[in-house]
Amino acid sequence: MSPILSLLVLLLVTSTSAFTMTPPSTRGSSTALTAYNKVFVAGGSRGVGRCLVDQLIASGRQVVALVRKEEDAGLLNALEGCTAIVGDAFDQKTVENAMDGCDAAITTLGGSTADQGQRIDYDGNNNVIESAGILGVTRVILVTSIGCGSSKEAAPPNVFEALKPVLLAKEKAENILIKYYTNMNWTIVRPGGLKSEPATGKAILTEDNTAIGSIHREDVAALVIQALDAANTEKKILSAVDPSITSSVSMEGKTVEEFALA
C-alpha cells in the first residue's frame, strides 16, 4: 500500500466512535481446507501484503510473493511455506512467471511510480489481473481503497483530493477487472484509512459504499483471507472498516451493515 494512504489516517482518526454496525446472521471464517492452497501475493514485503503472507502461512497454505528487493526476498524465504521471487511488477511477464502454478492471486500493490510516470496502483495491479487471466487463475482479490469508484462519495473532498492520483489509478485497475474479466471469480476489497497497530478483530466488510473509517492492516489481511474462502464474495465490491476505531469523517450515528460471509 502506498505511504500516501497514511494521510487518510491523519484525516480520519479522532476521539469518539462515529458509527455502529448491524451484525449479519453469520460471520465467515478462514480455513486451510480450501481449494486455494497456493496463493500468489503481489506486494508481500510490507503493509497489508506482509500481513497476508504471515496469515496465509499460518493457515497452512503455500505462498508465492513477488517483491522488488533481494533483502525482502531473503526475509520472506526464511519463512516456512513462503517462496519469494524478486521481480518488477511493472513487467507483466515477470508477474506471470511468478504466479504460474498458483491457485489464487491477491494484489495489494500501491505507491511506486515508474520513470515514465506509470503508477504501480494501475500498471502493477493490471499486470497481476492480466497474468491471472493468461494462466487461468480465476480467483483474484484486488485490494484498493475507499474513495475508488462507487465509494468516491464516502471520502471527504479534502481526503479525495489529497489522494486523487492514487485513487484514480486504483479505480482504473478495478474497472479492468470488472469490465473485462467476467469469467473470473474476483473480489475487490476497499479498506479505509490504514493503521499498523495490532488487529482488533472487530473489523468488518460491508457493501455500503458510503462507509468510511479506519482499519488496522492485520485486520484487512484477515478479512481478505475470509473473503478468499467465502462462497458468496464472487464479483463483490466490499469496503473494509473497523467500527471500534474512532473516526472524524463517518456520519454520527450511522449504522453500517456487515456483509455476511458464507
C-alpha atoms as a PDB file:
ATOM      1  CA  MET A   1       0.000   0.000   0.000  1.00  0.00           C
ATOM      2  CA  SER A   2       1.134   3.497  -0.749  1.00  0.00           C
ATOM      3  CA  PRO A   3       2.627   5.601   2.048  1.00  0.00           C
ATOM      4  CA  ILE A   4       0.411   8.434   0.811  1.00  0.00           C
ATOM      5  CA  LEU A   5      -2.595   6.477   2.050  1.00  0.00           C
ATOM      6  CA  SER A   6      -1.309   7.153   5.569  1.00  0.00           C
ATOM      7  CA  LEU A   7      -2.606  10.678   5.016  1.00  0.00           C
ATOM      8  CA  LEU A   8      -6.053   9.193   5.172  1.00  0.00           C
ATOM      9  CA  VAL A   9      -5.429   8.022   8.717  1.00  0.00           C
ATOM     10  CA  LEU A  10      -4.494  11.512   9.871  1.00  0.00           C
ATOM     11  CA  LEU A  11      -7.744  12.833   8.492  1.00  0.00           C
ATOM     12  CA  LEU A  12      -9.900  10.000   9.829  1.00  0.00           C
ATOM     13  CA  VAL A  13      -8.914   9.370  13.449  1.00  0.00           C
ATOM     14  CA  THR A  14     -10.348  11.314  16.400  1.00  0.00           C
ATOM     15  CA  SER A  15     -11.508  10.535  19.904  1.00  0.00           C
ATOM     16  CA  THR A  16     -15.106   9.289  19.540  1.00  0.00           C
ATOM     17  CA  SER A  17     -16.728   6.428  17.657  1.00  0.00           C
ATOM     18  CA  ALA A  18     -18.923   7.708  14.835  1.00  0.00           C
ATOM     19  CA  PHE A  19     -20.910   4.726  13.678  1.00  0.00           C
ATOM     20  CA  THR A  20     -22.241   1.346  14.706  1.00  0.00           C
ATOM     21  CA  MET A  21     -22.702  -1.848  12.754  1.00  0.00           C
ATOM     22  CA  THR A  22     -25.610  -4.132  12.065  1.00  0.00           C
ATOM     23  CA  PRO A  23     -24.324  -7.685  12.566  1.00  0.00           C
ATOM     24  CA  PRO A  24     -25.065 -10.339   9.961  1.00  0.00           C
ATOM     25  CA  SER A  25     -26.758 -13.613  10.733  1.00  0.00           C
ATOM     26  CA  THR A  26     -23.456 -15.445  10.193  1.00  0.00           C
ATOM     27  CA  ARG A  27     -19.812 -14.496  10.045  1.00  0.00           C
ATOM     28  CA  GLY A  28     -17.375 -16.259   7.733  1.00  0.00           C
ATOM     29  CA  SER A  29     -14.138 -17.802   8.914  1.00  0.00           C
ATOM     30  CA  SER A  30     -10.963 -18.728   7.087  1.00  0.00           C
ATOM     31  CA  THR A  31      -9.820 -22.326   6.894  1.00  0.00           C
ATOM     32  CA  ALA A  32      -6.860 -24.130   5.398  1.00  0.00           C
ATOM     33  CA  LEU A  33      -9.291 -26.733   3.996  1.00  0.00           C
ATOM     34  CA  THR A  34      -9.843 -24.784   0.805  1.00  0.00           C
ATOM     35  CA  ALA A  35      -9.246 -25.083  -2.884  1.00  0.00           C
ATOM     36  CA  TYR A  36      -6.847 -22.150  -2.624  1.00  0.00           C
ATOM     37  CA  ASN A  37      -3.786 -23.747  -1.108  1.00  0.00           C
ATOM     38  CA  LYS A  38      -1.097 -21.939  -3.113  1.00  0.00           C
ATOM     39  CA  VAL A  39      -1.647 -18.204  -3.204  1.00  0.00           C
ATOM     40  CA  PHE A  40       0.254 -15.554  -5.145  1.00  0.00           C
ATOM     41  CA  VAL A  41       0.680 -12.265  -3.264  1.00  0.00           C
ATOM     42  CA  ALA A  42       1.837  -9.095  -5.027  1.00  0.00           C
ATOM     43  CA  GLY A  43       3.125  -6.514  -2.572  1.00  0.00           C
ATOM     44  CA  GLY A  44       4.004  -9.074   0.083  1.00  0.00           C
ATOM     45  CA  SER A  45       7.060  -7.398   1.572  1.00  0.00           C
ATOM     46  CA  ARG A  46       5.253  -4.827   3.716  1.00  0.00           C
ATOM     47  CA  GLY A  47       1.943  -3.443   4.884  1.00  0.00           C
ATOM     48  CA  VAL A  48      -1.222  -5.427   4.218  1.00  0.00           C
ATOM     49  CA  GLY A  49       0.684  -7.681   1.824  1.00  0.00           C
ATOM     50  CA  ARG A  50       3.125  -8.794   4.510  1.00  0.00           C
ATOM     51  CA  CYS A  51       0.275  -9.389   6.944  1.00  0.00           C
ATOM     52  CA  LEU A  52      -1.337 -11.549   4.265  1.00  0.00           C
ATOM     53  CA  VAL A  53       1.810 -13.598   3.795  1.00  0.00           C
ATOM     54  CA  ASP A  54       2.070 -14.280   7.530  1.00  0.00           C
ATOM     55  CA  GLN A  55      -1.606 -15.140   7.943  1.00  0.00           C
ATOM     56  CA  LEU A  56      -1.810 -17.323   4.839  1.00  0.00           C
ATOM     57  CA  ILE A  57       1.197 -19.328   6.028  1.00  0.00           C
ATOM     58  CA  ALA A  58      -0.339 -19.605   9.486  1.00  0.00           C
ATOM     59  CA  SER A  59      -3.458 -21.090   7.868  1.00  0.00           C
ATOM     60  CA  GLY A  60      -1.332 -23.840   6.342  1.00  0.00           C
ATOM     61  CA  ARG A  61      -1.058 -22.569   2.778  1.00  0.00           C
ATOM     62  CA  GLN A  62       1.845 -22.095   0.433  1.00  0.00           C
ATOM     63  CA  VAL A  63       2.570 -18.500  -0.580  1.00  0.00           C
ATOM     64  CA  VAL A  64       4.433 -17.118  -3.576  1.00  0.00           C
ATOM     65  CA  ALA A  65       5.326 -13.468  -3.026  1.00  0.00           C
ATOM     66  CA  LEU A  66       6.645 -11.102  -5.680  1.00  0.00           C
ATOM     67  CA  VAL A  67       8.980  -8.496  -4.164  1.00  0.00           C
ATOM     68  CA  ARG A  68      11.303  -5.841  -5.534  1.00  0.00           C
ATOM     69  CA  LYS A  69      14.310  -6.192  -3.234  1.00  0.00           C
ATOM     70  CA  GLU A  70      16.703  -9.034  -2.529  1.00  0.00           C
ATOM     71  CA  GLU A  71      16.689  -8.315   1.219  1.00  0.00           C
ATOM     72  CA  ASP A  72      12.892  -8.586   1.317  1.00  0.00           C
ATOM     73  CA  ALA A  73      13.069 -11.876  -0.542  1.00  0.00           C
ATOM     74  CA  GLY A  74      15.616 -13.156   1.959  1.00  0.00           C
ATOM     75  CA  LEU A  75      13.343 -12.375   4.894  1.00  0.00           C
ATOM     76  CA  LEU A  76      10.328 -13.992   3.290  1.00  0.00           C
ATOM     77  CA  ASN A  77      12.191 -17.054   2.061  1.00  0.00           C
ATOM     78  CA  ALA A  78      13.211 -17.693   5.657  1.00  0.00           C
ATOM     79  CA  LEU A  79       9.534 -18.339   6.433  1.00  0.00           C
ATOM     80  CA  GLU A  80       8.458 -21.938   6.029  1.00  0.00           C
ATOM     81  CA  GLY A  81       5.773 -22.073   3.376  1.00  0.00           C
ATOM     82  CA  CYS A  82       6.807 -18.922   1.530  1.00  0.00           C
ATOM     83  CA  THR A  83       8.639 -18.616  -1.776  1.00  0.00           C
ATOM     84  CA  ALA A  84       9.685 -15.061  -2.528  1.00  0.00           C
ATOM     85  CA  ILE A  85      10.609 -14.081  -6.080  1.00  0.00           C
ATOM     86  CA  VAL A  86      12.477 -10.872  -6.861  1.00  0.00           C
ATOM     87  CA  GLY A  87      10.941  -9.050  -9.786  1.00  0.00           C
ATOM     88  CA  ASP A  88       9.327  -5.895 -11.088  1.00  0.00           C
ATOM     89  CA  ALA A  89       5.523  -5.805 -11.056  1.00  0.00           C
ATOM     90  CA  PHE A  90       5.702  -3.247 -13.880  1.00  0.00           C
ATOM     91  CA  ASP A  91       6.815  -6.147 -16.102  1.00  0.00           C
ATOM     92  CA  GLN A  92       3.839  -8.355 -16.991  1.00  0.00           C
ATOM     93  CA  LYS A  93       5.872 -11.409 -17.962  1.00  0.00           C
ATOM     94  CA  THR A  94       7.715 -11.320 -14.639  1.00  0.00           C
ATOM     95  CA  VAL A  95       4.395 -11.327 -12.813  1.00  0.00           C
ATOM     96  CA  GLU A  96       3.063 -14.154 -14.970  1.00  0.00           C
ATOM     97  CA  ASN A  97       6.126 -16.321 -14.391  1.00  0.00           C
ATOM     98  CA  ALA A  98       5.955 -15.779 -10.637  1.00  0.00           C
ATOM     99  CA  MET A  99       2.232 -16.596 -10.489  1.00  0.00           C
ATOM    100  CA  ASP A 100       2.435 -19.754 -12.578  1.00  0.00           C
ATOM    101  CA  GLY A 101       1.223 -22.743 -10.562  1.00  0.00           C
ATOM    102  CA  CYS A 102      -0.798 -20.781  -8.018  1.00  0.00           C
ATOM    103  CA  ASP A 103      -4.482 -21.369  -7.249  1.00  0.00           C
ATOM    104  CA  ALA A 104      -5.369 -17.754  -6.433  1.00  0.00           C
ATOM    105  CA  ALA A 105      -3.870 -14.284  -6.637  1.00  0.00           C
ATOM    106  CA  ILE A 106      -4.097 -11.356  -4.232  1.00  0.00           C
ATOM    107  CA  THR A 107      -2.645  -7.956  -5.039  1.00  0.00           C
ATOM    108  CA  THR A 108      -2.072  -5.118  -2.593  1.00  0.00           C
ATOM    109  CA  LEU A 109       0.241  -3.175  -4.890  1.00  0.00           C
ATOM    110  CA  GLY A 110       0.444   0.575  -4.471  1.00  0.00           C
ATOM    111  CA  GLY A 111       2.738   3.530  -4.065  1.00  0.00           C
ATOM    112  CA  SER A 112       5.622   3.399  -6.507  1.00  0.00           C
ATOM    113  CA  THR A 113       5.877   5.204  -9.829  1.00  0.00           C
ATOM    114  CA  ALA A 114       7.992   4.199 -12.836  1.00  0.00           C
ATOM    115  CA  ASP A 115      10.363   6.557 -14.638  1.00  0.00           C
ATOM    116  CA  GLN A 116       7.744   7.027 -17.356  1.00  0.00           C
ATOM    117  CA  GLY A 117       5.170   8.180 -14.791  1.00  0.00           C
ATOM    118  CA  GLN A 118       3.333   4.856 -14.622  1.00  0.00           C
ATOM    119  CA  ARG A 119       1.726   4.097 -11.281  1.00  0.00           C
ATOM    120  CA  ILE A 120       2.005   0.633  -9.765  1.00  0.00           C
ATOM    121  CA  ASP A 121      -1.522   1.204  -8.453  1.00  0.00           C
ATOM    122  CA  TYR A 122      -2.767   0.675 -12.007  1.00  0.00           C
ATOM    123  CA  ASP A 123       0.016  -0.859 -14.096  1.00  0.00           C
ATOM    124  CA  GLY A 124       1.183  -3.364 -11.491  1.00  0.00           C
ATOM    125  CA  ASN A 125      -2.313  -4.389 -10.494  1.00  0.00           C
ATOM    126  CA  ASN A 126      -3.291  -4.674 -14.145  1.00  0.00           C
ATOM    127  CA  ASN A 127      -0.321  -6.958 -14.742  1.00  0.00           C
ATOM    128  CA  VAL A 128      -1.496  -9.208 -11.919  1.00  0.00           C
ATOM    129  CA  ILE A 129      -5.009  -9.310 -13.368  1.00  0.00           C
ATOM    130  CA  GLU A 130      -3.762  -9.959 -16.909  1.00  0.00           C
ATOM    131  CA  SER A 131      -1.379 -12.686 -15.750  1.00  0.00           C
ATOM    132  CA  ALA A 132      -4.167 -14.423 -13.837  1.00  0.00           C
ATOM    133  CA  GLY A 133      -6.278 -14.363 -16.995  1.00  0.00           C
ATOM    134  CA  ILE A 134      -3.493 -15.813 -19.119  1.00  0.00           C
ATOM    135  CA  LEU A 135      -2.724 -18.584 -16.605  1.00  0.00           C
ATOM    136  CA  GLY A 136      -6.327 -19.453 -15.825  1.00  0.00           C
ATOM    137  CA  VAL A 137      -6.020 -18.360 -12.186  1.00  0.00           C
ATOM    138  CA  THR A 138      -9.679 -17.489 -11.839  1.00  0.00           C
ATOM    139  CA  ARG A 139      -9.680 -16.441  -8.148  1.00  0.00           C
ATOM    140  CA  VAL A 140      -8.369 -12.901  -7.768  1.00  0.00           C
ATOM    141  CA  ILE A 141      -8.652 -10.390  -4.945  1.00  0.00           C
ATOM    142  CA  LEU A 142      -7.737  -6.774  -5.634  1.00  0.00           C
ATOM    143  CA  VAL A 143      -7.140  -4.600  -2.569  1.00  0.00           C
ATOM    144  CA  THR A 144      -7.651  -0.918  -3.355  1.00  0.00           C
ATOM    145  CA  SER A 145      -9.110   1.827  -1.130  1.00  0.00           C
ATOM    146  CA  ILE A 146     -12.291   3.515  -0.034  1.00  0.00           C
ATOM    147  CA  GLY A 147     -12.617   6.517  -2.340  1.00  0.00           C
ATOM    148  CA  CYS A 148     -12.366   4.423  -5.501  1.00  0.00           C
ATOM    149  CA  GLY A 149     -15.269   4.011  -7.885  1.00  0.00           C
ATOM    150  CA  SER A 150     -18.672   3.759  -6.237  1.00  0.00           C
ATOM    151  CA  SER A 151     -17.177   4.705  -2.855  1.00  0.00           C
ATOM    152  CA  LYS A 152     -15.892   8.096  -4.041  1.00  0.00           C
ATOM    153  CA  GLU A 153     -18.598   9.984  -2.161  1.00  0.00           C
ATOM    154  CA  ALA A 154     -17.607   8.265   1.080  1.00  0.00           C
ATOM    155  CA  ALA A 155     -14.315  10.142   1.141  1.00  0.00           C
ATOM    156  CA  PRO A 156     -14.458  13.792   2.259  1.00  0.00           C
ATOM    157  CA  PRO A 157     -13.430  16.168  -0.547  1.00  0.00           C
ATOM    158  CA  ASN A 158     -10.113  17.075   1.108  1.00  0.00           C
ATOM    159  CA  VAL A 159      -9.199  13.403   1.525  1.00  0.00           C
ATOM    160  CA  PHE A 160     -10.146  12.570  -2.053  1.00  0.00           C
ATOM    161  CA  GLU A 161      -8.144  15.490  -3.457  1.00  0.00           C
ATOM    162  CA  ALA A 162      -5.066  14.589  -1.384  1.00  0.00           C
ATOM    163  CA  LEU A 163      -5.175  11.004  -2.644  1.00  0.00           C
ATOM    164  CA  LYS A 164      -6.685  11.606  -6.077  1.00  0.00           C
ATOM    165  CA  PRO A 165      -3.823  10.265  -8.268  1.00  0.00           C
ATOM    166  CA  VAL A 166      -3.623   7.086  -6.191  1.00  0.00           C
ATOM    167  CA  LEU A 167      -7.366   6.550  -6.030  1.00  0.00           C
ATOM    168  CA  LEU A 168      -7.901   7.118  -9.743  1.00  0.00           C
ATOM    169  CA  ALA A 169      -5.105   4.689 -10.627  1.00  0.00           C
ATOM    170  CA  LYS A 170      -6.553   2.030  -8.332  1.00  0.00           C
ATOM    171  CA  GLU A 171     -10.027   2.668  -9.716  1.00  0.00           C
ATOM    172  CA  LYS A 172      -8.694   2.147 -13.235  1.00  0.00           C
ATOM    173  CA  ALA A 173      -7.418  -1.293 -12.179  1.00  0.00           C
ATOM    174  CA  GLU A 174     -10.795  -2.054 -10.608  1.00  0.00           C
ATOM    175  CA  ASN A 175     -12.545  -1.195 -13.870  1.00  0.00           C
ATOM    176  CA  ILE A 176     -10.306  -3.524 -15.861  1.00  0.00           C
ATOM    177  CA  LEU A 177     -11.234  -6.377 -13.554  1.00  0.00           C
ATOM    178  CA  ILE A 178     -14.951  -5.555 -13.549  1.00  0.00           C
ATOM    179  CA  LYS A 179     -15.399  -4.937 -17.284  1.00  0.00           C
ATOM    180  CA  TYR A 180     -13.087  -7.429 -18.958  1.00  0.00           C
ATOM    181  CA  TYR A 181     -12.739 -10.413 -16.620  1.00  0.00           C
ATOM    182  CA  THR A 182     -16.359 -11.517 -16.448  1.00  0.00           C
ATOM    183  CA  ASN A 183     -15.435 -15.211 -16.245  1.00  0.00           C
ATOM    184  CA  MET A 184     -13.178 -14.658 -13.246  1.00  0.00           C
ATOM    185  CA  ASN A 185     -14.145 -15.129  -9.606  1.00  0.00           C
ATOM    186  CA  TRP A 186     -12.910 -11.743  -8.431  1.00  0.00           C
ATOM    187  CA  THR A 187     -13.429  -9.713  -5.279  1.00  0.00           C
ATOM    188  CA  ILE A 188     -12.459  -6.092  -4.674  1.00  0.00           C
ATOM    189  CA  VAL A 189     -11.725  -5.064  -1.085  1.00  0.00           C
ATOM    190  CA  ARG A 190     -11.533  -1.341  -0.320  1.00  0.00           C
ATOM    191  CA  PRO A 191     -10.034  -0.627   3.109  1.00  0.00           C
ATOM    192  CA  GLY A 192     -10.451   2.672   4.895  1.00  0.00           C
ATOM    193  CA  GLY A 193      -7.552   4.557   6.469  1.00  0.00           C
ATOM    194  CA  LEU A 194      -4.777   2.079   7.277  1.00  0.00           C
ATOM    195  CA  LYS A 195      -3.105   1.770  10.667  1.00  0.00           C
ATOM    196  CA  SER A 196      -0.263  -0.520  11.722  1.00  0.00           C
ATOM    197  CA  GLU A 197      -1.391  -1.378  15.237  1.00  0.00           C
ATOM    198  CA  PRO A 198      -2.286  -4.942  16.269  1.00  0.00           C
ATOM    199  CA  ALA A 199      -5.550  -6.375  14.995  1.00  0.00           C
ATOM    200  CA  THR A 200      -8.706  -5.605  16.946  1.00  0.00           C
ATOM    201  CA  GLY A 201     -10.672  -8.497  15.477  1.00  0.00           C
ATOM    202  CA  LYS A 202     -13.660  -6.149  15.162  1.00  0.00           C
ATOM    203  CA  ALA A 203     -13.257  -5.008  11.562  1.00  0.00           C
ATOM    204  CA  ILE A 204     -15.988  -5.777   9.043  1.00  0.00           C
ATOM    205  CA  LEU A 205     -16.676  -5.994   5.343  1.00  0.00           C
ATOM    206  CA  THR A 206     -19.691  -4.120   4.032  1.00  0.00           C
ATOM    207  CA  GLU A 207     -21.420  -3.474   0.721  1.00  0.00           C
ATOM    208  CA  ASP A 208     -22.312   0.014   1.969  1.00  0.00           C
ATOM    209  CA  ASN A 209     -20.274   2.240  -0.370  1.00  0.00           C
ATOM    210  CA  THR A 210     -20.830   5.244   1.909  1.00  0.00           C
ATOM    211  CA  ALA A 211     -18.955   3.607   4.793  1.00  0.00           C
ATOM    212  CA  ILE A 212     -15.653   5.173   5.764  1.00  0.00           C
ATOM    213  CA  GLY A 213     -13.333   4.859   8.733  1.00  0.00           C
ATOM    214  CA  SER A 214     -10.023   3.401   9.802  1.00  0.00           C
ATOM    215  CA  ILE A 215      -8.805  -0.177   9.977  1.00  0.00           C
ATOM    216  CA  HIS A 216      -5.638  -1.961  11.062  1.00  0.00           C
ATOM    217  CA  ARG A 217      -3.584  -3.692   8.379  1.00  0.00           C
ATOM    218  CA  GLU A 218      -3.680  -7.030  10.209  1.00  0.00           C
ATOM    219  CA  ASP A 219      -7.483  -6.862  10.210  1.00  0.00           C
ATOM    220  CA  VAL A 220      -7.555  -6.070   6.484  1.00  0.00           C
ATOM    221  CA  ALA A 221      -5.457  -9.162   5.807  1.00  0.00           C
ATOM    222  CA  ALA A 222      -7.751 -11.331   7.933  1.00  0.00           C
ATOM    223  CA  LEU A 223     -10.832 -10.048   6.105  1.00  0.00           C
ATOM    224  CA  VAL A 224      -9.201 -10.600   2.712  1.00  0.00           C
ATOM    225  CA  ILE A 225      -8.476 -14.235   3.588  1.00  0.00           C
ATOM    226  CA  GLN A 226     -12.033 -14.719   4.816  1.00  0.00           C
ATOM    227  CA  ALA A 227     -13.286 -13.236   1.542  1.00  0.00           C
ATOM    228  CA  LEU A 228     -10.927 -15.506  -0.400  1.00  0.00           C
ATOM    229  CA  ASP A 229     -12.531 -18.597   1.098  1.00  0.00           C
ATOM    230  CA  ALA A 230     -16.135 -17.407   1.235  1.00  0.00           C
ATOM    231  CA  ALA A 231     -18.590 -18.815  -1.290  1.00  0.00           C
ATOM    232  CA  ASN A 232     -20.560 -15.566  -1.650  1.00  0.00           C
ATOM    233  CA  THR A 233     -17.884 -12.996  -2.494  1.00  0.00           C
ATOM    234  CA  GLU A 234     -17.677 -13.625  -6.241  1.00  0.00           C
ATOM    235  CA  LYS A 235     -17.839 -10.326  -8.148  1.00  0.00           C
ATOM    236  CA  LYS A 236     -18.395  -8.403  -4.920  1.00  0.00           C
ATOM    237  CA  ILE A 237     -17.003  -4.959  -4.108  1.00  0.00           C
ATOM    238  CA  LEU A 238     -16.626  -4.619  -0.341  1.00  0.00           C
ATOM    239  CA  SER A 239     -15.436  -1.816   1.896  1.00  0.00           C
ATOM    240  CA  ALA A 240     -13.392  -2.747   4.973  1.00  0.00           C
ATOM    241  CA  VAL A 241     -13.702  -0.634   8.117  1.00  0.00           C
ATOM    242  CA  ASP A 242     -13.478  -1.081  11.858  1.00  0.00           C
ATOM    243  CA  PRO A 243     -16.462   0.337  13.767  1.00  0.00           C
ATOM    244  CA  SER A 244     -14.484   0.109  17.000  1.00  0.00           C
ATOM    245  CA  ILE A 245     -11.926   2.683  15.800  1.00  0.00           C
ATOM    246  CA  THR A 246     -12.855   6.330  16.199  1.00  0.00           C
ATOM    247  CA  SER A 247     -13.311   8.410  13.069  1.00  0.00           C
ATOM    248  CA  SER A 248     -13.971  12.072  12.408  1.00  0.00           C
ATOM    249  CA  VAL A 249     -15.479  11.599   8.955  1.00  0.00           C
ATOM    250  CA  SER A 250     -18.128   8.946   9.488  1.00  0.00           C
ATOM    251  CA  MET A 251     -21.649  10.248   9.972  1.00  0.00           C
ATOM    252  CA  GLU A 252     -22.587  10.364  13.662  1.00  0.00           C
ATOM    253  CA  GLY A 253     -24.993   7.534  14.463  1.00  0.00           C
ATOM    254  CA  LYS A 254     -24.671   5.924  11.025  1.00  0.00           C
ATOM    255  CA  THR A 255     -25.312   2.188  11.018  1.00  0.00           C
ATOM    256  CA  VAL A 256     -23.087   0.117   8.753  1.00  0.00           C
ATOM    257  CA  GLU A 257     -24.437  -3.289   7.806  1.00  0.00           C
ATOM    258  CA  GLU A 258     -21.843  -6.049   7.889  1.00  0.00           C
ATOM    259  CA  PHE A 259     -21.586  -8.287   4.827  1.00  0.00           C
ATOM    260  CA  ALA A 260     -22.320 -11.838   5.920  1.00  0.00           C
ATOM    261  CA  LEU A 261     -19.602 -14.121   4.626  1.00  0.00           C
ATOM    262  CA  ALA A 262     -20.781 -17.633   3.837  1.00  0.00           C
END
